[in-house]
Amino acid sequence: MPARLTRAESFAKVAAAEFARLREREPGLLADVVLAVDAVPPASSTEPSFGRVFPATANRTTHIVLYRRVIEDHAGSEVRDALIAEVVADQVDILRRT
């Protein structure tokens, strides 16, 4: 019997699948972008956020970070996967405009 995924693992799996789908569509934009999942935004955040784009620096590639608990608390289990897909797409759109 396969082990059941934790909520965090399930979330990461859905986010990774959505990001892979978008990466196939826009390989030039997303080839070097890293997707990460954090539980919550940093304490220094001044506003609630589902995710954030961290542009590349000399020491780091571009990262898109999703905030799992914020998304889960907002969506509930029945629409969580759809909200994850929407947030990933929104963050890619932000990256596209920068």
Protein backbone atom coordinates (compact mmCIF):
# COMPACT_ATOMS: atom_id res chain seq x y z
CA MET A 1 0.00 0.00 0.00
CA PRO A 2 1.53 3.35 -1.02
CA ALA A 3 2.22 5.90 1.67
CA ARG A 4 -0.10 8.85 1.77
CA LEU A 5 1.40 12.23 0.92
CA THR A 6 1.45 14.90 3.59
CA ARG A 7 -0.37 18.15 2.88
CA ALA A 8 2.96 19.85 2.21
CA GLU A 9 4.06 17.08 -0.18
CA SER A 10 0.73 17.11 -1.98
CA PHE A 11 0.89 20.90 -2.34
CA ALA A 12 4.45 20.76 -3.69
CA LYS A 13 3.51 18.04 -6.17
CA VAL A 14 0.61 20.09 -7.58
CA ALA A 15 2.72 23.26 -7.73
CA ALA A 16 5.59 21.46 -9.47
CA ALA A 17 3.25 19.93 -12.06
CA GLU A 18 1.71 23.31 -12.84
CA PHE A 19 5.11 24.97 -13.06
CA ALA A 20 6.37 22.21 -15.39
CA ARG A 21 3.34 22.76 -17.63
CA LEU A 22 4.07 26.49 -17.86
CA ARG A 23 7.80 25.85 -18.34
CA GLU A 24 7.01 23.72 -21.40
CA ARG A 25 5.01 26.62 -22.82
CA GLU A 26 7.65 29.26 -22.14
CA PRO A 27 11.04 27.57 -21.88
CA GLY A 28 12.94 30.77 -22.69
CA LEU A 29 11.40 32.62 -19.77
CA LEU A 30 11.34 29.82 -17.21
CA ALA A 31 14.34 27.62 -18.04
CA ASP A 32 16.48 28.98 -15.21
CA VAL A 33 13.67 29.82 -12.78
CA VAL A 34 13.36 27.83 -9.56
CA LEU A 35 9.99 27.14 -7.94
CA ALA A 36 9.98 26.94 -4.14
CA VAL A 37 7.31 26.49 -1.52
CA ASP A 38 7.51 28.09 1.92
CA ALA A 39 4.94 27.59 4.64
CA VAL A 40 4.36 31.31 5.22
CA PRO A 41 5.75 34.63 3.99
CA PRO A 42 8.72 36.06 5.90
CA ALA A 43 7.92 38.02 9.03
CA SER A 44 9.18 41.15 7.28
CA SER A 45 6.33 41.00 4.73
CA THR A 46 4.06 44.00 5.02
CA GLU A 47 1.05 42.52 3.22
CA PRO A 48 -0.45 39.05 2.86
CA SER A 49 0.65 37.29 -0.26
CA PHE A 50 0.07 33.96 -2.00
CA GLY A 51 3.48 34.06 -3.63
CA ARG A 52 6.35 36.21 -4.72
CA VAL A 53 8.95 36.51 -7.47
CA PHE A 54 12.53 36.98 -6.33
CA PRO A 55 14.55 38.28 -9.32
CA ALA A 56 17.99 36.87 -10.03
CA THR A 57 20.99 38.35 -8.27
CA ALA A 58 24.70 37.74 -8.68
CA ASN A 59 24.42 34.86 -6.18
CA ARG A 60 20.98 33.42 -6.94
CA THR A 61 18.79 32.50 -9.90
CA THR A 62 15.25 33.82 -10.19
CA HIS A 63 12.89 32.14 -7.73
CA ILE A 64 9.13 31.95 -7.59
CA VAL A 65 7.99 31.21 -4.05
CA LEU A 66 4.50 30.05 -3.12
CA TYR A 67 3.24 30.41 0.46
CA ARG A 68 1.48 27.13 1.19
CA ARG A 69 -0.43 27.95 4.36
CA VAL A 70 -1.74 31.25 3.01
CA ILE A 71 -3.06 29.50 -0.10
CA GLU A 72 -4.51 26.57 1.86
CA ASP A 73 -6.18 28.84 4.40
CA HIS A 74 -7.73 30.93 1.66
CA ALA A 75 -8.86 28.13 -0.64
CA GLY A 76 -9.98 25.20 1.43
CA SER A 77 -9.38 21.67 0.19
CA GLU A 78 -12.01 21.66 -2.57
CA VAL A 79 -10.42 24.41 -4.69
CA ARG A 80 -6.84 24.31 -3.45
CA ASP A 81 -5.36 22.84 -6.65
CA ALA A 82 -7.09 25.44 -8.83
CA LEU A 83 -5.79 28.25 -6.63
CA ILE A 84 -2.26 26.83 -6.75
CA ALA A 85 -2.44 26.82 -10.56
CA GLU A 86 -3.74 30.39 -10.56
CA VAL A 87 -1.02 31.63 -8.21
CA VAL A 88 1.75 29.95 -10.23
CA ALA A 89 0.35 31.51 -13.42
CA ASP A 90 0.11 34.93 -11.73
CA GLN A 91 3.72 34.76 -10.55
CA VAL A 92 4.90 33.76 -14.03
CA ASP A 93 2.94 36.72 -15.42
CA ILE A 94 4.67 39.04 -12.92
CA LEU A 95 8.01 37.63 -13.98
CA ARG A 96 7.11 38.13 -17.64
CA ARG A 97 6.43 41.83 -17.00
CA THR A 98 9.71 42.49 -15.19
